[in-house]
Amino acid sequence: MKKDLSHMLDSFFDDRSLKKLLYTLDEYVHRTFSPVYIPIDVRETNEEYVIIAHLPNATRDGVHLQFIDNTRLLLSVIYDEQTETIDDEKKFVQRKRTYERATKSIFLPYPVSESDIQASFQDGKLIIRLPQRKTFIPIE
């Protein structure tokens, strides 16, 4: 009887539909409670102020930068991915579509006009360039 119970439990937890349910539940919890994080780096030189947003899985069409006012930009990123998996025996097909949207306010260090802002997207990085407004005094 102990062996039958063990076999029943193994069969229950080895069931594909249960595994799929648990996977779906795990994915739901992850998506609900794990917001998309957009890391930002800032670099300042004598000539310019550079803001770099790291967006490794984003496409150019999914990245939008909006001028809010002379001290703030709004970055919006849409991740839209579709994958399909077929097993070796071509009996099981899994289609998965991931859609996530993230926004981040980027506060500028000083007032800047919209025409002075330059932005480019390359290699998964959004690079925002502002002219330097600060005057640096050389120290000897």
N, C-alpha and C. Protein backbone atom coordinates (compact mmCIF):
# COMPACT_ATOMS: atom_id res chain seq x y z
N MET A 1 0.82 -1.18 0.00
CA MET A 1 0.00 0.00 0.00
C MET A 1 0.87 1.26 0.00
N LYS A 2 1.95 1.25 0.77
CA LYS A 2 2.86 2.39 0.83
C LYS A 2 3.47 2.66 -0.55
N LYS A 3 3.79 1.59 -1.26
CA LYS A 3 4.37 1.71 -2.59
C LYS A 3 3.34 2.28 -3.57
N ASP A 4 2.09 1.87 -3.46
CA ASP A 4 1.03 2.39 -4.34
C ASP A 4 0.81 3.88 -4.10
N LEU A 5 0.82 4.30 -2.86
CA LEU A 5 0.64 5.70 -2.53
C LEU A 5 1.80 6.53 -3.08
N SER A 6 3.00 6.02 -2.93
CA SER A 6 4.18 6.70 -3.46
C SER A 6 4.08 6.82 -4.97
N HIS A 7 3.66 5.75 -5.63
CA HIS A 7 3.51 5.76 -7.08
C HIS A 7 2.44 6.77 -7.51
N MET A 8 1.32 6.83 -6.76
CA MET A 8 0.26 7.78 -7.08
C MET A 8 0.75 9.22 -6.95
N LEU A 9 1.51 9.50 -5.89
CA LEU A 9 2.04 10.85 -5.70
C LEU A 9 3.02 11.21 -6.81
N ASP A 10 3.90 10.26 -7.16
CA ASP A 10 4.84 10.52 -8.26
C ASP A 10 4.10 10.79 -9.56
N SER A 11 3.08 10.00 -9.82
CA SER A 11 2.29 10.18 -11.04
C SER A 11 1.59 11.53 -11.03
N PHE A 12 1.05 11.90 -9.87
CA PHE A 12 0.34 13.17 -9.76
C PHE A 12 1.27 14.35 -10.06
N PHE A 13 2.47 14.35 -9.48
CA PHE A 13 3.39 15.46 -9.68
C PHE A 13 4.16 15.39 -10.98
N ASP A 14 4.06 14.27 -11.70
CA ASP A 14 4.72 14.14 -12.98
C ASP A 14 3.78 14.49 -14.12
N ASP A 15 2.55 14.78 -13.81
CA ASP A 15 1.54 15.08 -14.81
C ASP A 15 1.89 16.38 -15.54
N ARG A 16 1.83 16.37 -16.89
CA ARG A 16 2.18 17.53 -17.68
C ARG A 16 1.26 18.71 -17.42
N SER A 17 -0.03 18.43 -17.29
CA SER A 17 -0.97 19.54 -17.09
C SER A 17 -0.71 20.24 -15.76
N LEU A 18 -0.36 19.49 -14.73
CA LEU A 18 -0.05 20.11 -13.44
C LEU A 18 1.23 20.95 -13.55
N LYS A 19 2.23 20.42 -14.24
CA LYS A 19 3.47 21.18 -14.42
C LYS A 19 3.20 22.47 -15.17
N LYS A 20 2.35 22.38 -16.19
CA LYS A 20 2.01 23.57 -16.97
C LYS A 20 1.27 24.59 -16.10
N LEU A 21 0.35 24.10 -15.26
CA LEU A 21 -0.38 24.97 -14.36
C LEU A 21 0.57 25.67 -13.39
N LEU A 22 1.49 24.93 -12.80
CA LEU A 22 2.44 25.51 -11.86
C LEU A 22 3.36 26.52 -12.56
N TYR A 23 3.77 26.19 -13.79
CA TYR A 23 4.61 27.11 -14.56
C TYR A 23 3.85 28.40 -14.85
N THR A 24 2.59 28.28 -15.25
CA THR A 24 1.77 29.45 -15.56
C THR A 24 1.55 30.30 -14.32
N LEU A 25 1.32 29.66 -13.19
CA LEU A 25 1.13 30.36 -11.93
C LEU A 25 2.41 31.12 -11.53
N ASP A 26 3.55 30.45 -11.68
CA ASP A 26 4.83 31.06 -11.37
C ASP A 26 5.08 32.27 -12.27
N GLU A 27 4.77 32.12 -13.54
CA GLU A 27 4.96 33.21 -14.49
C GLU A 27 4.05 34.39 -14.15
N TYR A 28 2.81 34.10 -13.78
CA TYR A 28 1.88 35.16 -13.39
C TYR A 28 2.40 35.94 -12.18
N VAL A 29 2.84 35.23 -11.16
CA VAL A 29 3.36 35.89 -9.95
C VAL A 29 4.58 36.73 -10.29
N HIS A 30 5.47 36.18 -11.13
CA HIS A 30 6.68 36.91 -11.51
C HIS A 30 6.32 38.20 -12.25
N ARG A 31 5.38 38.13 -13.20
CA ARG A 31 5.01 39.31 -13.98
C ARG A 31 4.27 40.35 -13.13
N THR A 32 3.46 39.87 -12.20
CA THR A 32 2.65 40.78 -11.38
C THR A 32 3.49 41.53 -10.36
N PHE A 33 4.42 40.85 -9.74
CA PHE A 33 5.15 41.45 -8.63
C PHE A 33 6.59 41.82 -8.97
N SER A 34 7.01 41.65 -10.21
CA SER A 34 8.37 42.01 -10.62
C SER A 34 8.30 43.03 -11.74
N PRO A 35 8.25 44.32 -11.40
CA PRO A 35 8.18 45.32 -12.46
C PRO A 35 9.47 45.35 -13.28
N VAL A 36 9.34 45.77 -14.52
CA VAL A 36 10.50 45.87 -15.38
C VAL A 36 11.37 47.03 -14.89
N TYR A 37 12.62 46.77 -14.70
CA TYR A 37 13.56 47.76 -14.18
C TYR A 37 14.41 48.28 -15.33
N ILE A 38 14.55 49.58 -15.43
CA ILE A 38 15.37 50.19 -16.48
C ILE A 38 16.59 50.82 -15.81
N PRO A 39 17.75 50.18 -15.93
CA PRO A 39 18.96 50.77 -15.34
C PRO A 39 19.45 51.97 -16.15
N ILE A 40 19.88 53.01 -15.45
CA ILE A 40 20.35 54.25 -16.07
C ILE A 40 21.76 54.55 -15.57
N ASP A 41 22.64 54.90 -16.50
CA ASP A 41 23.98 55.38 -16.16
C ASP A 41 24.07 56.85 -16.60
N VAL A 42 24.82 57.63 -15.86
CA VAL A 42 25.03 59.04 -16.20
C VAL A 42 26.53 59.31 -16.27
N ARG A 43 26.93 60.02 -17.30
CA ARG A 43 28.34 60.37 -17.48
C ARG A 43 28.40 61.86 -17.82
N GLU A 44 29.28 62.55 -17.15
CA GLU A 44 29.40 63.99 -17.35
C GLU A 44 30.83 64.34 -17.73
N THR A 45 30.96 65.11 -18.80
CA THR A 45 32.28 65.58 -19.22
C THR A 45 32.24 67.11 -19.30
N ASN A 46 33.34 67.71 -19.69
CA ASN A 46 33.37 69.16 -19.87
C ASN A 46 32.48 69.62 -21.01
N GLU A 47 32.25 68.73 -22.00
CA GLU A 47 31.49 69.10 -23.19
C GLU A 47 30.02 68.71 -23.15
N GLU A 48 29.70 67.60 -22.48
CA GLU A 48 28.32 67.12 -22.53
C GLU A 48 27.92 66.33 -21.29
N TYR A 49 26.63 66.13 -21.17
CA TYR A 49 26.03 65.33 -20.10
C TYR A 49 25.35 64.17 -20.82
N VAL A 50 25.72 62.93 -20.51
CA VAL A 50 25.22 61.76 -21.23
C VAL A 50 24.45 60.85 -20.28
N ILE A 51 23.24 60.47 -20.70
CA ILE A 51 22.40 59.54 -19.95
C ILE A 51 22.26 58.29 -20.81
N ILE A 52 22.57 57.12 -20.22
CA ILE A 52 22.49 55.85 -20.96
C ILE A 52 21.48 54.96 -20.27
N ALA A 53 20.44 54.57 -21.00
CA ALA A 53 19.43 53.63 -20.49
C ALA A 53 19.72 52.27 -21.12
N HIS A 54 19.90 51.26 -20.29
CA HIS A 54 20.22 49.91 -20.76
C HIS A 54 18.92 49.15 -21.02
N LEU A 55 18.68 48.81 -22.29
CA LEU A 55 17.45 48.15 -22.72
C LEU A 55 17.80 46.95 -23.59
N PRO A 56 18.35 45.89 -23.00
CA PRO A 56 18.92 44.80 -23.80
C PRO A 56 17.95 44.03 -24.69
N ASN A 57 16.68 43.90 -24.33
CA ASN A 57 15.75 43.12 -25.14
C ASN A 57 14.78 43.98 -25.92
N ALA A 58 14.97 45.28 -25.92
CA ALA A 58 14.06 46.19 -26.60
C ALA A 58 14.46 46.36 -28.06
N THR A 59 13.47 46.67 -28.88
CA THR A 59 13.73 47.02 -30.28
C THR A 59 13.58 48.52 -30.43
N ARG A 60 14.10 49.05 -31.49
CA ARG A 60 14.04 50.49 -31.75
C ARG A 60 12.59 50.97 -31.78
N ASP A 61 11.70 50.19 -32.38
CA ASP A 61 10.30 50.58 -32.48
C ASP A 61 9.58 50.57 -31.13
N GLY A 62 10.11 49.86 -30.16
CA GLY A 62 9.49 49.78 -28.85
C GLY A 62 9.97 50.81 -27.85
N VAL A 63 10.88 51.68 -28.26
CA VAL A 63 11.45 52.68 -27.36
C VAL A 63 10.94 54.07 -27.75
N HIS A 64 10.37 54.78 -26.77
CA HIS A 64 9.82 56.12 -27.02
C HIS A 64 10.33 57.07 -25.93
N LEU A 65 10.80 58.23 -26.37
CA LEU A 65 11.31 59.25 -25.46
C LEU A 65 10.47 60.50 -25.66
N GLN A 66 9.88 60.99 -24.58
CA GLN A 66 8.99 62.15 -24.66
C GLN A 66 9.54 63.30 -23.83
N PHE A 67 9.53 64.48 -24.41
CA PHE A 67 9.95 65.71 -23.73
C PHE A 67 8.76 66.20 -22.92
N ILE A 68 8.85 66.17 -21.59
CA ILE A 68 7.76 66.61 -20.73
C ILE A 68 7.87 68.12 -20.46
N ASP A 69 9.00 68.54 -19.98
CA ASP A 69 9.29 69.96 -19.80
C ASP A 69 10.80 70.12 -19.83
N ASN A 70 11.31 71.30 -19.54
CA ASN A 70 12.75 71.54 -19.70
C ASN A 70 13.62 70.88 -18.64
N THR A 71 13.00 70.15 -17.70
CA THR A 71 13.79 69.43 -16.69
C THR A 71 13.46 67.95 -16.60
N ARG A 72 12.58 67.45 -17.49
CA ARG A 72 12.18 66.04 -17.37
C ARG A 72 11.82 65.43 -18.72
N LEU A 73 12.29 64.17 -18.89
CA LEU A 73 11.94 63.36 -20.05
C LEU A 73 11.19 62.13 -19.55
N LEU A 74 10.37 61.54 -20.39
CA LEU A 74 9.67 60.31 -20.04
C LEU A 74 10.07 59.22 -21.04
N LEU A 75 10.67 58.17 -20.52
CA LEU A 75 11.10 57.03 -21.34
C LEU A 75 10.05 55.93 -21.22
N SER A 76 9.53 55.46 -22.35
CA SER A 76 8.58 54.35 -22.37
C SER A 76 9.17 53.24 -23.23
N VAL A 77 9.12 52.02 -22.71
CA VAL A 77 9.67 50.87 -23.42
C VAL A 77 8.60 49.79 -23.47
N ILE A 78 8.41 49.23 -24.65
CA ILE A 78 7.46 48.12 -24.82
C ILE A 78 8.26 46.91 -25.27
N TYR A 79 8.14 45.83 -24.49
CA TYR A 79 8.76 44.55 -24.85
C TYR A 79 7.63 43.66 -25.36
N ASP A 80 7.72 43.26 -26.61
CA ASP A 80 6.70 42.40 -27.20
C ASP A 80 7.43 41.24 -27.87
N GLU A 81 7.32 40.06 -27.28
CA GLU A 81 8.07 38.90 -27.75
C GLU A 81 7.13 37.71 -27.90
N GLN A 82 7.30 36.97 -28.99
CA GLN A 82 6.50 35.77 -29.21
C GLN A 82 7.43 34.61 -29.51
N THR A 83 7.27 33.52 -28.76
CA THR A 83 8.10 32.33 -28.97
C THR A 83 7.21 31.12 -29.18
N GLU A 84 7.73 30.16 -29.91
CA GLU A 84 7.00 28.92 -30.16
C GLU A 84 7.95 27.76 -29.98
N THR A 85 7.50 26.75 -29.23
CA THR A 85 8.32 25.58 -28.96
C THR A 85 7.57 24.34 -29.44
N ILE A 86 8.27 23.50 -30.20
CA ILE A 86 7.70 22.23 -30.67
C ILE A 86 8.64 21.12 -30.22
N ASP A 87 8.08 20.06 -29.61
CA ASP A 87 8.93 18.98 -29.12
C ASP A 87 9.45 18.14 -30.29
N ASP A 88 10.38 17.22 -29.99
CA ASP A 88 11.03 16.42 -31.02
C ASP A 88 10.05 15.55 -31.81
N GLU A 89 9.01 15.11 -31.17
CA GLU A 89 8.04 14.25 -31.84
C GLU A 89 6.94 15.04 -32.54
N LYS A 90 7.03 16.36 -32.49
CA LYS A 90 6.07 17.27 -33.10
C LYS A 90 4.64 17.03 -32.60
N LYS A 91 4.54 16.63 -31.34
CA LYS A 91 3.22 16.39 -30.75
C LYS A 91 2.79 17.53 -29.84
N PHE A 92 3.73 18.25 -29.31
CA PHE A 92 3.41 19.27 -28.32
C PHE A 92 3.91 20.61 -28.81
N VAL A 93 3.02 21.57 -28.91
CA VAL A 93 3.37 22.92 -29.35
C VAL A 93 3.03 23.88 -28.22
N GLN A 94 3.98 24.75 -27.93
CA GLN A 94 3.74 25.76 -26.90
C GLN A 94 4.00 27.12 -27.51
N ARG A 95 3.01 27.97 -27.47
CA ARG A 95 3.17 29.33 -27.94
C ARG A 95 3.10 30.25 -26.74
N LYS A 96 4.01 31.19 -26.73
CA LYS A 96 4.09 32.09 -25.58
C LYS A 96 4.28 33.51 -26.10
N ARG A 97 3.48 34.41 -25.60
CA ARG A 97 3.62 35.81 -25.98
C ARG A 97 3.84 36.63 -24.72
N THR A 98 4.89 37.40 -24.72
CA THR A 98 5.23 38.24 -23.58
C THR A 98 5.07 39.69 -24.00
N TYR A 99 4.31 40.43 -23.22
CA TYR A 99 4.11 41.84 -23.48
C TYR A 99 4.31 42.58 -22.16
N GLU A 100 5.28 43.46 -22.14
CA GLU A 100 5.55 44.24 -20.93
C GLU A 100 5.78 45.69 -21.34
N ARG A 101 5.38 46.57 -20.46
CA ARG A 101 5.57 47.99 -20.71
C ARG A 101 6.21 48.59 -19.46
N ALA A 102 7.20 49.41 -19.68
CA ALA A 102 7.89 50.07 -18.56
C ALA A 102 8.04 51.55 -18.88
N THR A 103 7.92 52.36 -17.87
CA THR A 103 8.15 53.80 -18.03
C THR A 103 9.09 54.28 -16.94
N LYS A 104 9.83 55.30 -17.26
CA LYS A 104 10.76 55.87 -16.29
C LYS A 104 10.90 57.36 -16.57
N SER A 105 10.74 58.15 -15.52
CA SER A 105 11.00 59.59 -15.64
C SER A 105 12.50 59.81 -15.51
N ILE A 106 13.01 60.63 -16.39
CA ILE A 106 14.43 60.98 -16.34
C ILE A 106 14.51 62.48 -16.05
N PHE A 107 15.03 62.79 -14.88
CA PHE A 107 15.14 64.19 -14.48
C PHE A 107 16.48 64.73 -14.96
N LEU A 108 16.41 65.87 -15.61
CA LEU A 108 17.61 66.49 -16.17
C LEU A 108 18.29 67.35 -15.10
N PRO A 109 19.62 67.49 -15.16
CA PRO A 109 20.35 68.20 -14.11
C PRO A 109 20.15 69.71 -14.13
N TYR A 110 19.67 70.24 -15.26
CA TYR A 110 19.45 71.68 -15.41
C TYR A 110 18.45 71.85 -16.56
N PRO A 111 17.81 73.00 -16.66
CA PRO A 111 16.84 73.20 -17.75
C PRO A 111 17.51 73.12 -19.12
N VAL A 112 16.85 72.38 -20.02
CA VAL A 112 17.37 72.18 -21.38
C VAL A 112 16.21 72.31 -22.35
N SER A 113 16.43 72.98 -23.46
CA SER A 113 15.37 73.08 -24.47
C SER A 113 15.32 71.77 -25.27
N GLU A 114 14.16 71.50 -25.81
CA GLU A 114 13.96 70.25 -26.55
C GLU A 114 14.92 70.12 -27.74
N SER A 115 15.22 71.21 -28.39
CA SER A 115 16.10 71.17 -29.56
C SER A 115 17.55 70.85 -29.20
N ASP A 116 17.94 71.01 -27.93
CA ASP A 116 19.30 70.71 -27.51
C ASP A 116 19.52 69.25 -27.14
N ILE A 117 18.45 68.46 -27.10
CA ILE A 117 18.55 67.05 -26.69
C ILE A 117 18.73 66.17 -27.92
N GLN A 118 19.73 65.30 -27.86
CA GLN A 118 19.98 64.32 -28.93
C GLN A 118 19.84 62.93 -28.34
N ALA A 119 19.17 62.03 -29.07
CA ALA A 119 19.00 60.66 -28.58
C ALA A 119 19.26 59.69 -29.72
N SER A 120 19.90 58.57 -29.38
CA SER A 120 20.14 57.51 -30.37
C SER A 120 19.98 56.16 -29.67
N PHE A 121 19.62 55.16 -30.45
CA PHE A 121 19.44 53.81 -29.91
C PHE A 121 20.35 52.87 -30.70
N GLN A 122 21.25 52.19 -29.97
CA GLN A 122 22.15 51.24 -30.64
C GLN A 122 22.61 50.18 -29.63
N ASP A 123 22.70 48.95 -30.08
CA ASP A 123 23.18 47.83 -29.25
C ASP A 123 22.45 47.72 -27.91
N GLY A 124 21.12 47.93 -27.92
CA GLY A 124 20.34 47.80 -26.69
C GLY A 124 20.52 48.92 -25.69
N LYS A 125 21.03 50.05 -26.15
CA LYS A 125 21.24 51.20 -25.26
C LYS A 125 20.63 52.44 -25.89
N LEU A 126 19.87 53.16 -25.08
CA LEU A 126 19.38 54.47 -25.49
C LEU A 126 20.35 55.50 -24.92
N ILE A 127 20.95 56.29 -25.80
CA ILE A 127 21.95 57.27 -25.38
C ILE A 127 21.36 58.66 -25.60
N ILE A 128 21.25 59.41 -24.50
CA ILE A 128 20.69 60.76 -24.53
C ILE A 128 21.83 61.73 -24.23
N ARG A 129 22.02 62.69 -25.11
CA ARG A 129 23.11 63.65 -24.96
C ARG A 129 22.55 65.07 -24.79
N LEU A 130 23.09 65.76 -23.77
CA LEU A 130 22.71 67.15 -23.51
C LEU A 130 23.98 68.00 -23.55
N PRO A 131 23.88 69.22 -23.99
CA PRO A 131 25.07 70.08 -23.94
C PRO A 131 25.39 70.41 -22.48
N GLN A 132 26.65 70.54 -22.20
CA GLN A 132 27.08 70.86 -20.82
C GLN A 132 26.78 72.33 -20.53
N ARG A 133 26.11 72.57 -19.43
CA ARG A 133 25.77 73.95 -19.03
C ARG A 133 26.62 74.42 -17.87
N LYS A 134 27.27 73.50 -17.22
CA LYS A 134 28.10 73.87 -16.07
C LYS A 134 29.46 74.33 -16.56
N THR A 135 30.05 75.22 -15.82
CA THR A 135 31.39 75.66 -16.12
C THR A 135 32.32 75.03 -15.10
N PHE A 136 33.30 74.31 -15.60
CA PHE A 136 34.25 73.68 -14.72
C PHE A 136 35.50 74.54 -14.61
N ILE A 137 35.94 74.73 -13.39
CA ILE A 137 37.13 75.53 -13.15
C ILE A 137 38.30 74.58 -12.99
N PRO A 138 39.33 74.75 -13.80
CA PRO A 138 40.49 73.85 -13.66
C PRO A 138 41.19 74.06 -12.32
N ILE A 139 41.58 72.98 -11.72
CA ILE A 139 42.28 73.03 -10.43
C ILE A 139 43.71 72.60 -10.66
N GLU A 140 44.63 73.40 -10.19
CA GLU A 140 46.05 73.09 -10.38
C GLU A 140 46.64 72.44 -9.17
